[in-house]
Full PDB file with SEQRES, HELIX, SHEET, SSBOND, CRYST1, ORIGX, SCALE, CONECT and MASTER records, all heavy atoms in Angstrom:
SEQRES   1 A   34  PHE LYS SER VAL GLY LEU VAL PRO THR ALA GLU ILE VAL          
SEQRES   2 A   34  GLU LEU TYR ASN TRP SER ASN GLY VAL THR GLU ASP GLY          
SEQRES   3 A   34  GLY ILE LEU LEU ASP ASP ILE HIS                              
HELIX    1 AA1 LYS A    2  VAL A    4  5                                   3    
HELIX    2 AA2 ALA A   10  TRP A   18  1                                   9    
HELIX    3 AA3 LEU A   30  ASP A   32  5                                   3    
CRYST1    1.000    1.000    1.000  90.00  90.00  90.00 P 1           1          
ORIGX1      1.000000  0.000000  0.000000        0.00000                         
ORIGX2      0.000000  1.000000  0.000000        0.00000                         
ORIGX3      0.000000  0.000000  1.000000        0.00000                         
SCALE1      1.000000  0.000000  0.000000        0.00000                         
SCALE2      0.000000  1.000000  0.000000        0.00000                         
SCALE3      0.000000  0.000000  1.000000        0.00000                         
ATOM      1  N   PHE A   1      -0.846  -8.639   7.615  1.00  0.00           N  
ATOM      2  CA  PHE A   1      -0.454  -9.810   6.838  1.00  0.00           C  
ATOM      3  C   PHE A   1      -0.874 -11.147   7.572  1.00  0.00           C  
ATOM      4  O   PHE A   1      -1.425 -12.015   7.049  1.00  0.00           O  
ATOM      5  CB  PHE A   1       1.080  -9.865   6.562  1.00  0.00           C  
ATOM      6  CG  PHE A   1       1.350  -9.172   5.228  1.00  0.00           C  
ATOM      7  CD1 PHE A   1       1.293  -7.763   5.223  1.00  0.00           C  
ATOM      8  CD2 PHE A   1       1.769  -9.827   4.120  1.00  0.00           C  
ATOM      9  CE1 PHE A   1       1.604  -7.199   3.988  1.00  0.00           C  
ATOM     10  CE2 PHE A   1       2.079  -9.146   2.931  1.00  0.00           C  
ATOM     11  CZ  PHE A   1       1.963  -7.778   2.884  1.00  0.00           C  
ATOM     12  N   LYS A   2      -0.664 -11.149   8.962  1.00  0.00           N  
ATOM     13  CA  LYS A   2      -0.987 -12.262   9.728  1.00  0.00           C  
ATOM     14  C   LYS A   2      -2.513 -12.534   9.604  1.00  0.00           C  
ATOM     15  O   LYS A   2      -2.955 -13.654   9.582  1.00  0.00           O  
ATOM     16  CB  LYS A   2      -0.653 -12.025  11.188  1.00  0.00           C  
ATOM     17  CG  LYS A   2      -0.767 -13.173  12.079  1.00  0.00           C  
ATOM     18  CD  LYS A   2      -0.223 -12.893  13.450  1.00  0.00           C  
ATOM     19  CE  LYS A   2      -0.407 -14.174  14.295  1.00  0.00           C  
ATOM     20  NZ  LYS A   2       0.065 -13.931  15.687  1.00  0.00           N  
ATOM     21  N   SER A   3      -3.352 -11.423   9.571  1.00  0.00           N  
ATOM     22  CA  SER A   3      -4.823 -11.523   9.488  1.00  0.00           C  
ATOM     23  C   SER A   3      -5.151 -12.307   8.249  1.00  0.00           C  
ATOM     24  O   SER A   3      -6.318 -12.783   8.207  1.00  0.00           O  
ATOM     25  CB  SER A   3      -5.546 -10.206   9.685  1.00  0.00           C  
ATOM     26  OG  SER A   3      -5.345  -9.489   8.412  1.00  0.00           O  
ATOM     27  N   VAL A   4      -4.440 -12.308   7.176  1.00  0.00           N  
ATOM     28  CA  VAL A   4      -4.772 -12.921   5.932  1.00  0.00           C  
ATOM     29  C   VAL A   4      -3.880 -14.245   5.673  1.00  0.00           C  
ATOM     30  O   VAL A   4      -3.841 -14.751   4.555  1.00  0.00           O  
ATOM     31  CB  VAL A   4      -4.756 -12.026   4.706  1.00  0.00           C  
ATOM     32  CG1 VAL A   4      -5.864 -11.051   4.791  1.00  0.00           C  
ATOM     33  CG2 VAL A   4      -3.328 -11.359   4.527  1.00  0.00           C  
ATOM     34  N   GLY A   5      -3.164 -14.655   6.699  1.00  0.00           N  
ATOM     35  CA  GLY A   5      -2.363 -15.890   6.626  1.00  0.00           C  
ATOM     36  C   GLY A   5      -1.025 -15.793   5.922  1.00  0.00           C  
ATOM     37  O   GLY A   5      -0.573 -16.786   5.292  1.00  0.00           O  
ATOM     38  N   LEU A   6      -0.461 -14.563   5.768  1.00  0.00           N  
ATOM     39  CA  LEU A   6       0.785 -14.414   5.099  1.00  0.00           C  
ATOM     40  C   LEU A   6       1.819 -13.787   5.996  1.00  0.00           C  
ATOM     41  O   LEU A   6       1.467 -13.125   7.033  1.00  0.00           O  
ATOM     42  CB  LEU A   6       0.549 -13.448   3.861  1.00  0.00           C  
ATOM     43  CG  LEU A   6      -0.344 -13.932   2.670  1.00  0.00           C  
ATOM     44  CD1 LEU A   6      -0.663 -12.854   1.695  1.00  0.00           C  
ATOM     45  CD2 LEU A   6       0.253 -15.175   2.028  1.00  0.00           C  
ATOM     46  N   VAL A   7       3.024 -13.936   5.536  1.00  0.00           N  
ATOM     47  CA  VAL A   7       4.175 -13.280   6.299  1.00  0.00           C  
ATOM     48  C   VAL A   7       4.817 -12.295   5.267  1.00  0.00           C  
ATOM     49  O   VAL A   7       5.223 -12.689   4.174  1.00  0.00           O  
ATOM     50  CB  VAL A   7       5.249 -14.329   6.762  1.00  0.00           C  
ATOM     51  CG1 VAL A   7       6.417 -13.715   7.433  1.00  0.00           C  
ATOM     52  CG2 VAL A   7       4.590 -15.313   7.669  1.00  0.00           C  
ATOM     53  N   PRO A   8       4.947 -11.011   5.542  1.00  0.00           N  
ATOM     54  CA  PRO A   8       5.578 -10.071   4.615  1.00  0.00           C  
ATOM     55  C   PRO A   8       7.073 -10.208   4.573  1.00  0.00           C  
ATOM     56  O   PRO A   8       7.657 -10.550   5.644  1.00  0.00           O  
ATOM     57  CB  PRO A   8       5.111  -8.710   5.196  1.00  0.00           C  
ATOM     58  CG  PRO A   8       5.045  -8.983   6.716  1.00  0.00           C  
ATOM     59  CD  PRO A   8       4.553 -10.342   6.812  1.00  0.00           C  
ATOM     60  N   THR A   9       7.631  -9.879   3.489  1.00  0.00           N  
ATOM     61  CA  THR A   9       9.087  -9.843   3.390  1.00  0.00           C  
ATOM     62  C   THR A   9       9.546  -8.521   4.014  1.00  0.00           C  
ATOM     63  O   THR A   9       8.742  -7.631   4.264  1.00  0.00           O  
ATOM     64  CB  THR A   9       9.587  -9.854   2.029  1.00  0.00           C  
ATOM     65  OG1 THR A   9       9.135  -8.631   1.285  1.00  0.00           O  
ATOM     66  CG2 THR A   9       9.200 -11.098   1.278  1.00  0.00           C  
ATOM     67  N   ALA A  10      10.801  -8.379   4.347  1.00  0.00           N  
ATOM     68  CA  ALA A  10      11.395  -7.118   4.875  1.00  0.00           C  
ATOM     69  C   ALA A  10      11.065  -6.049   3.981  1.00  0.00           C  
ATOM     70  O   ALA A  10      10.866  -4.889   4.416  1.00  0.00           O  
ATOM     71  CB  ALA A  10      12.839  -7.336   5.228  1.00  0.00           C  
ATOM     72  N   GLU A  11      11.245  -6.252   2.727  1.00  0.00           N  
ATOM     73  CA  GLU A  11      11.012  -5.275   1.679  1.00  0.00           C  
ATOM     74  C   GLU A  11       9.506  -4.717   1.776  1.00  0.00           C  
ATOM     75  O   GLU A  11       9.323  -3.469   1.615  1.00  0.00           O  
ATOM     76  CB  GLU A  11      11.267  -5.728   0.201  1.00  0.00           C  
ATOM     77  CG  GLU A  11      12.705  -5.733  -0.221  1.00  0.00           C  
ATOM     78  CD  GLU A  11      12.813  -5.896  -1.595  1.00  0.00           C  
ATOM     79  OE1 GLU A  11      11.931  -6.493  -2.259  1.00  0.00           O  
ATOM     80  OE2 GLU A  11      13.849  -5.523  -2.302  1.00  0.00           O  
ATOM     81  N   ILE A  12       8.562  -5.610   1.877  1.00  0.00           N  
ATOM     82  CA  ILE A  12       7.155  -5.134   1.910  1.00  0.00           C  
ATOM     83  C   ILE A  12       6.957  -4.249   3.214  1.00  0.00           C  
ATOM     84  O   ILE A  12       6.319  -3.251   3.100  1.00  0.00           O  
ATOM     85  CB  ILE A  12       6.278  -6.376   1.947  1.00  0.00           C  
ATOM     86  CG1 ILE A  12       6.239  -7.063   0.534  1.00  0.00           C  
ATOM     87  CG2 ILE A  12       4.759  -5.911   2.329  1.00  0.00           C  
ATOM     88  CD1 ILE A  12       5.345  -8.324   0.471  1.00  0.00           C  
ATOM     89  N   VAL A  13       7.500  -4.686   4.301  1.00  0.00           N  
ATOM     90  CA  VAL A  13       7.402  -3.925   5.516  1.00  0.00           C  
ATOM     91  C   VAL A  13       7.962  -2.597   5.260  1.00  0.00           C  
ATOM     92  O   VAL A  13       7.348  -1.491   5.641  1.00  0.00           O  
ATOM     93  CB  VAL A  13       8.011  -4.626   6.747  1.00  0.00           C  
ATOM     94  CG1 VAL A  13       8.086  -3.762   7.978  1.00  0.00           C  
ATOM     95  CG2 VAL A  13       7.322  -5.976   7.030  1.00  0.00           C  
ATOM     96  N   GLU A  14       9.166  -2.541   4.682  1.00  0.00           N  
ATOM     97  CA  GLU A  14       9.776  -1.285   4.425  1.00  0.00           C  
ATOM     98  C   GLU A  14       9.018  -0.447   3.497  1.00  0.00           C  
ATOM     99  O   GLU A  14       8.913   0.807   3.687  1.00  0.00           O  
ATOM    100  CB  GLU A  14      11.223  -1.508   3.893  1.00  0.00           C  
ATOM    101  CG  GLU A  14      12.039  -0.246   3.781  1.00  0.00           C  
ATOM    102  CD  GLU A  14      13.478  -0.537   3.303  1.00  0.00           C  
ATOM    103  OE1 GLU A  14      13.871  -1.756   3.410  1.00  0.00           O  
ATOM    104  OE2 GLU A  14      14.204   0.387   3.034  1.00  0.00           O  
ATOM    105  N   LEU A  15       8.426  -0.945   2.485  1.00  0.00           N  
ATOM    106  CA  LEU A  15       7.572  -0.148   1.508  1.00  0.00           C  
ATOM    107  C   LEU A  15       6.431   0.525   2.332  1.00  0.00           C  
ATOM    108  O   LEU A  15       6.269   1.716   2.088  1.00  0.00           O  
ATOM    109  CB  LEU A  15       7.085  -1.095   0.400  1.00  0.00           C  
ATOM    110  CG  LEU A  15       6.048  -0.544  -0.545  1.00  0.00           C  
ATOM    111  CD1 LEU A  15       6.840   0.491  -1.412  1.00  0.00           C  
ATOM    112  CD2 LEU A  15       5.411  -1.624  -1.398  1.00  0.00           C  
ATOM    113  N   TYR A  16       5.739  -0.278   3.176  1.00  0.00           N  
ATOM    114  CA  TYR A  16       4.620   0.306   3.849  1.00  0.00           C  
ATOM    115  C   TYR A  16       5.081   1.258   4.973  1.00  0.00           C  
ATOM    116  O   TYR A  16       4.298   2.147   5.393  1.00  0.00           O  
ATOM    117  CB  TYR A  16       3.729  -0.771   4.386  1.00  0.00           C  
ATOM    118  CG  TYR A  16       2.868  -1.444   3.237  1.00  0.00           C  
ATOM    119  CD1 TYR A  16       3.028  -2.783   3.011  1.00  0.00           C  
ATOM    120  CD2 TYR A  16       1.970  -0.675   2.518  1.00  0.00           C  
ATOM    121  CE1 TYR A  16       2.257  -3.372   1.906  1.00  0.00           C  
ATOM    122  CE2 TYR A  16       1.233  -1.221   1.530  1.00  0.00           C  
ATOM    123  CZ  TYR A  16       1.429  -2.536   1.214  1.00  0.00           C  
ATOM    124  OH  TYR A  16       0.666  -3.117   0.193  1.00  0.00           O  
ATOM    125  N   ASN A  17       6.340   1.037   5.488  1.00  0.00           N  
ATOM    126  CA  ASN A  17       6.874   1.968   6.405  1.00  0.00           C  
ATOM    127  C   ASN A  17       7.039   3.409   5.716  1.00  0.00           C  
ATOM    128  O   ASN A  17       6.830   4.479   6.302  1.00  0.00           O  
ATOM    129  CB  ASN A  17       8.230   1.582   6.955  1.00  0.00           C  
ATOM    130  CG  ASN A  17       8.237   0.478   7.915  1.00  0.00           C  
ATOM    131  OD1 ASN A  17       9.281  -0.090   8.210  1.00  0.00           O  
ATOM    132  ND2 ASN A  17       7.083   0.120   8.477  1.00  0.00           N  
ATOM    133  N   TRP A  18       7.467   3.346   4.422  1.00  0.00           N  
ATOM    134  CA  TRP A  18       7.727   4.481   3.686  1.00  0.00           C  
ATOM    135  C   TRP A  18       6.441   5.242   3.267  1.00  0.00           C  
ATOM    136  O   TRP A  18       6.360   6.397   3.470  1.00  0.00           O  
ATOM    137  CB  TRP A  18       8.518   4.113   2.353  1.00  0.00           C  
ATOM    138  CG  TRP A  18       8.955   5.279   1.544  1.00  0.00           C  
ATOM    139  CD1 TRP A  18      10.007   6.051   1.739  1.00  0.00           C  
ATOM    140  CD2 TRP A  18       8.293   5.713   0.360  1.00  0.00           C  
ATOM    141  NE1 TRP A  18      10.071   7.020   0.843  1.00  0.00           N  
ATOM    142  CE2 TRP A  18       9.022   6.836  -0.098  1.00  0.00           C  
ATOM    143  CE3 TRP A  18       7.131   5.339  -0.306  1.00  0.00           C  
ATOM    144  CZ2 TRP A  18       8.686   7.567  -1.223  1.00  0.00           C  
ATOM    145  CZ3 TRP A  18       6.795   5.982  -1.536  1.00  0.00           C  
ATOM    146  CH2 TRP A  18       7.574   7.077  -1.994  1.00  0.00           C  
ATOM    147  N   SER A  19       5.405   4.560   2.856  1.00  0.00           N  
ATOM    148  CA  SER A  19       4.067   5.089   2.539  1.00  0.00           C  
ATOM    149  C   SER A  19       3.048   3.866   2.515  1.00  0.00           C  
ATOM    150  O   SER A  19       3.327   2.791   1.956  1.00  0.00           O  
ATOM    151  CB  SER A  19       4.139   5.775   1.193  1.00  0.00           C  
ATOM    152  OG  SER A  19       2.790   6.147   0.895  1.00  0.00           O  
ATOM    153  N   ASN A  20       1.863   4.232   2.931  1.00  0.00           N  
ATOM    154  CA  ASN A  20       0.676   3.270   2.889  1.00  0.00           C  
ATOM    155  C   ASN A  20      -0.007   3.533   1.595  1.00  0.00           C  
ATOM    156  O   ASN A  20      -1.268   3.649   1.480  1.00  0.00           O  
ATOM    157  CB  ASN A  20      -0.175   3.430   4.062  1.00  0.00           C  
ATOM    158  CG  ASN A  20      -1.309   2.374   4.043  1.00  0.00           C  
ATOM    159  OD1 ASN A  20      -1.187   1.357   3.374  1.00  0.00           O  
ATOM    160  ND2 ASN A  20      -2.473   2.727   4.676  1.00  0.00           N  
ATOM    161  N   GLY A  21       0.628   3.824   0.435  1.00  0.00           N  
ATOM    162  CA  GLY A  21       0.130   3.931  -0.842  1.00  0.00           C  
ATOM    163  C   GLY A  21      -0.767   5.192  -1.010  1.00  0.00           C  
ATOM    164  O   GLY A  21      -0.731   6.156  -0.103  1.00  0.00           O  
ATOM    165  N   VAL A  22      -1.589   5.227  -1.974  1.00  0.00           N  
ATOM    166  CA  VAL A  22      -2.471   6.434  -2.215  1.00  0.00           C  
ATOM    167  C   VAL A  22      -3.705   6.329  -1.460  1.00  0.00           C  
ATOM    168  O   VAL A  22      -4.172   5.218  -1.104  1.00  0.00           O  
ATOM    169  CB  VAL A  22      -2.663   6.686  -3.712  1.00  0.00           C  
ATOM    170  CG1 VAL A  22      -1.315   6.896  -4.438  1.00  0.00           C  
ATOM    171  CG2 VAL A  22      -3.502   5.512  -4.329  1.00  0.00           C  
ATOM    172  N   THR A  23      -4.308   7.472  -1.222  1.00  0.00           N  
ATOM    173  CA  THR A  23      -5.611   7.586  -0.624  1.00  0.00           C  
ATOM    174  C   THR A  23      -6.688   6.888  -1.364  1.00  0.00           C  
ATOM    175  O   THR A  23      -6.537   6.797  -2.623  1.00  0.00           O  
ATOM    176  CB  THR A  23      -6.103   8.965  -0.269  1.00  0.00           C  
ATOM    177  OG1 THR A  23      -6.093   9.654  -1.529  1.00  0.00           O  
ATOM    178  CG2 THR A  23      -5.102   9.786   0.680  1.00  0.00           C  
ATOM    179  N   GLU A  24      -7.644   6.256  -0.740  1.00  0.00           N  
ATOM    180  CA  GLU A  24      -8.665   5.534  -1.490  1.00  0.00           C  
ATOM    181  C   GLU A  24      -9.942   6.386  -1.675  1.00  0.00           C  
ATOM    182  O   GLU A  24     -11.048   5.944  -1.747  1.00  0.00           O  
ATOM    183  CB  GLU A  24      -9.041   4.333  -0.662  1.00  0.00           C  
ATOM    184  CG  GLU A  24      -7.875   3.422  -0.520  1.00  0.00           C  
ATOM    185  CD  GLU A  24      -8.069   2.158   0.361  1.00  0.00           C  
ATOM    186  OE1 GLU A  24      -9.180   1.631   0.338  1.00  0.00           O  
ATOM    187  OE2 GLU A  24      -7.195   1.815   1.099  1.00  0.00           O  
ATOM    188  N   ASP A  25      -9.693   7.655  -1.865  1.00  0.00           N  
ATOM    189  CA  ASP A  25     -10.806   8.668  -2.143  1.00  0.00           C  
ATOM    190  C   ASP A  25     -11.397   8.354  -3.535  1.00  0.00           C  
ATOM    191  O   ASP A  25     -10.628   8.204  -4.462  1.00  0.00           O  
ATOM    192  CB  ASP A  25     -10.462  10.120  -2.027  1.00  0.00           C  
ATOM    193  CG  ASP A  25      -9.893  10.456  -0.634  1.00  0.00           C  
ATOM    194  OD1 ASP A  25     -10.251   9.761   0.332  1.00  0.00           O  
ATOM    195  OD2 ASP A  25      -9.075  11.380  -0.512  1.00  0.00           O  
ATOM    196  N   GLY A  26     -12.711   8.415  -3.632  1.00  0.00           N  
ATOM    197  CA  GLY A  26     -13.276   8.350  -4.992  1.00  0.00           C  
ATOM    198  C   GLY A  26     -13.077   9.656  -5.713  1.00  0.00           C  
ATOM    199  O   GLY A  26     -12.844  10.654  -5.146  1.00  0.00           O  
ATOM    200  N   GLY A  27     -13.140   9.568  -6.983  1.00  0.00           N  
ATOM    201  CA  GLY A  27     -13.084  10.767  -7.818  1.00  0.00           C  
ATOM    202  C   GLY A  27     -11.702  11.170  -8.149  1.00  0.00           C  
ATOM    203  O   GLY A  27     -11.502  12.266  -8.903  1.00  0.00           O  
ATOM    204  N   ILE A  28     -10.597  10.510  -7.691  1.00  0.00           N  
ATOM    205  CA  ILE A  28      -9.273  10.806  -8.065  1.00  0.00           C  
ATOM    206  C   ILE A  28      -8.990  10.259  -9.500  1.00  0.00           C  
ATOM    207  O   ILE A  28      -9.270   9.015  -9.684  1.00  0.00           O  
ATOM    208  CB  ILE A  28      -8.231  10.280  -7.049  1.00  0.00           C  
ATOM    209  CG1 ILE A  28      -8.476  10.962  -5.725  1.00  0.00           C  
ATOM    210  CG2 ILE A  28      -6.838  10.472  -7.589  1.00  0.00           C  
ATOM    211  CD1 ILE A  28      -7.611  10.412  -4.660  1.00  0.00           C  
ATOM    212  N   LEU A  29      -8.426  11.026 -10.327  1.00  0.00           N  
ATOM    213  CA  LEU A  29      -8.136  10.533 -11.724  1.00  0.00           C  
ATOM    214  C   LEU A  29      -6.879   9.561 -11.528  1.00  0.00           C  
ATOM    215  O   LEU A  29      -5.924   9.859 -10.898  1.00  0.00           O  
ATOM    216  CB  LEU A  29      -7.807  11.555 -12.632  1.00  0.00           C  
ATOM    217  CG  LEU A  29      -8.918  12.560 -12.947  1.00  0.00           C  
ATOM    218  CD1 LEU A  29      -8.505  13.772 -13.843  1.00  0.00           C  
ATOM    219  CD2 LEU A  29     -10.090  11.832 -13.629  1.00  0.00           C  
ATOM    220  N   LEU A  30      -6.968   8.436 -12.228  1.00  0.00           N  
ATOM    221  CA  LEU A  30      -5.879   7.536 -12.187  1.00  0.00           C  
ATOM    222  C   LEU A  30      -4.478   8.141 -12.632  1.00  0.00           C  
ATOM    223  O   LEU A  30      -3.398   7.853 -12.056  1.00  0.00           O  
ATOM    224  CB  LEU A  30      -6.123   6.238 -12.987  1.00  0.00           C  
ATOM    225  CG  LEU A  30      -7.091   5.290 -12.446  1.00  0.00           C  
ATOM    226  CD1 LEU A  30      -7.329   4.111 -13.396  1.00  0.00           C  
ATOM    227  CD2 LEU A  30      -6.683   4.723 -11.089  1.00  0.00           C  
ATOM    228  N   ASP A  31      -4.593   8.919 -13.734  1.00  0.00           N  
ATOM    229  CA  ASP A  31      -3.343   9.589 -14.089  1.00  0.00           C  
ATOM    230  C   ASP A  31      -2.683  10.547 -13.142  1.00  0.00           C  
ATOM    231  O   ASP A  31      -1.567  10.852 -13.237  1.00  0.00           O  
ATOM    232  CB  ASP A  31      -3.696  10.428 -15.468  1.00  0.00           C  
ATOM    233  CG  ASP A  31      -4.009   9.501 -16.613  1.00  0.00           C  
ATOM    234  OD1 ASP A  31      -3.452   8.475 -16.737  1.00  0.00           O  
ATOM    235  OD2 ASP A  31      -4.865   9.913 -17.416  1.00  0.00           O  
ATOM    236  N   ASP A  32      -3.489  10.873 -12.218  1.00  0.00           N  
ATOM    237  CA  ASP A  32      -2.934  11.843 -11.134  1.00  0.00           C  
ATOM    238  C   ASP A  32      -2.275  11.092  -9.972  1.00  0.00           C  
ATOM    239  O   ASP A  32      -1.717  11.764  -9.074  1.00  0.00           O  
ATOM    240  CB  ASP A  32      -4.089  12.765 -10.491  1.00  0.00           C  
ATOM    241  CG  ASP A  32      -4.516  13.775 -11.524  1.00  0.00           C  
ATOM    242  OD1 ASP A  32      -3.835  14.045 -12.498  1.00  0.00           O  
ATOM    243  OD2 ASP A  32      -5.599  14.379 -11.299  1.00  0.00           O  
ATOM    244  N   ILE A  33      -2.332   9.797  -9.997  1.00  0.00           N  
ATOM    245  CA  ILE A  33      -1.754   9.093  -8.885  1.00  0.00           C  
ATOM    246  C   ILE A  33      -0.761   8.030  -9.342  1.00  0.00           C  
ATOM    247  O   ILE A  33      -0.268   7.219  -8.577  1.00  0.00           O  
ATOM    248  CB  ILE A  33      -2.889   8.347  -7.992  1.00  0.00           C  
ATOM    249  CG1 ILE A  33      -3.758   7.423  -8.844  1.00  0.00           C  
ATOM    250  CG2 ILE A  33      -3.738   9.337  -7.259  1.00  0.00           C  
ATOM    251  CD1 ILE A  33      -4.698   6.443  -8.025  1.00  0.00           C  
ATOM    252  N   HIS A  34      -0.377   8.076 -10.582  1.00  0.00           N  
ATOM    253  CA  HIS A  34       0.602   7.118 -11.086  1.00  0.00           C  
ATOM    254  C   HIS A  34       1.979   7.204 -10.349  1.00  0.00           C  
ATOM    255  O   HIS A  34       2.461   8.310 -10.132  1.00  0.00           O  
ATOM    256  CB  HIS A  34       0.840   7.266 -12.580  1.00  0.00           C  
ATOM    257  CG  HIS A  34      -0.250   6.624 -13.357  1.00  0.00           C  
ATOM    258  ND1 HIS A  34      -0.423   6.839 -14.662  1.00  0.00           N  
ATOM    259  CD2 HIS A  34      -1.257   5.724 -12.973  1.00  0.00           C  
ATOM    260  CE1 HIS A  34      -1.554   6.169 -15.122  1.00  0.00           C  
ATOM    261  NE2 HIS A  34      -2.026   5.486 -14.067  1.00  0.00           N  
TER     262      HIS A  34                                                      
MASTER        0    0    0    3    0    0    0    6  261    1    0    3          
END                                                                             
């Protein structure tokens, strides 16, 4: 966040502590990652 000039809320930090979202592999169907 600092690298883009932002400060994350505690909730955002906690969200990314829980998971860094879905993999960025190509070929994954959107319906499979909802």
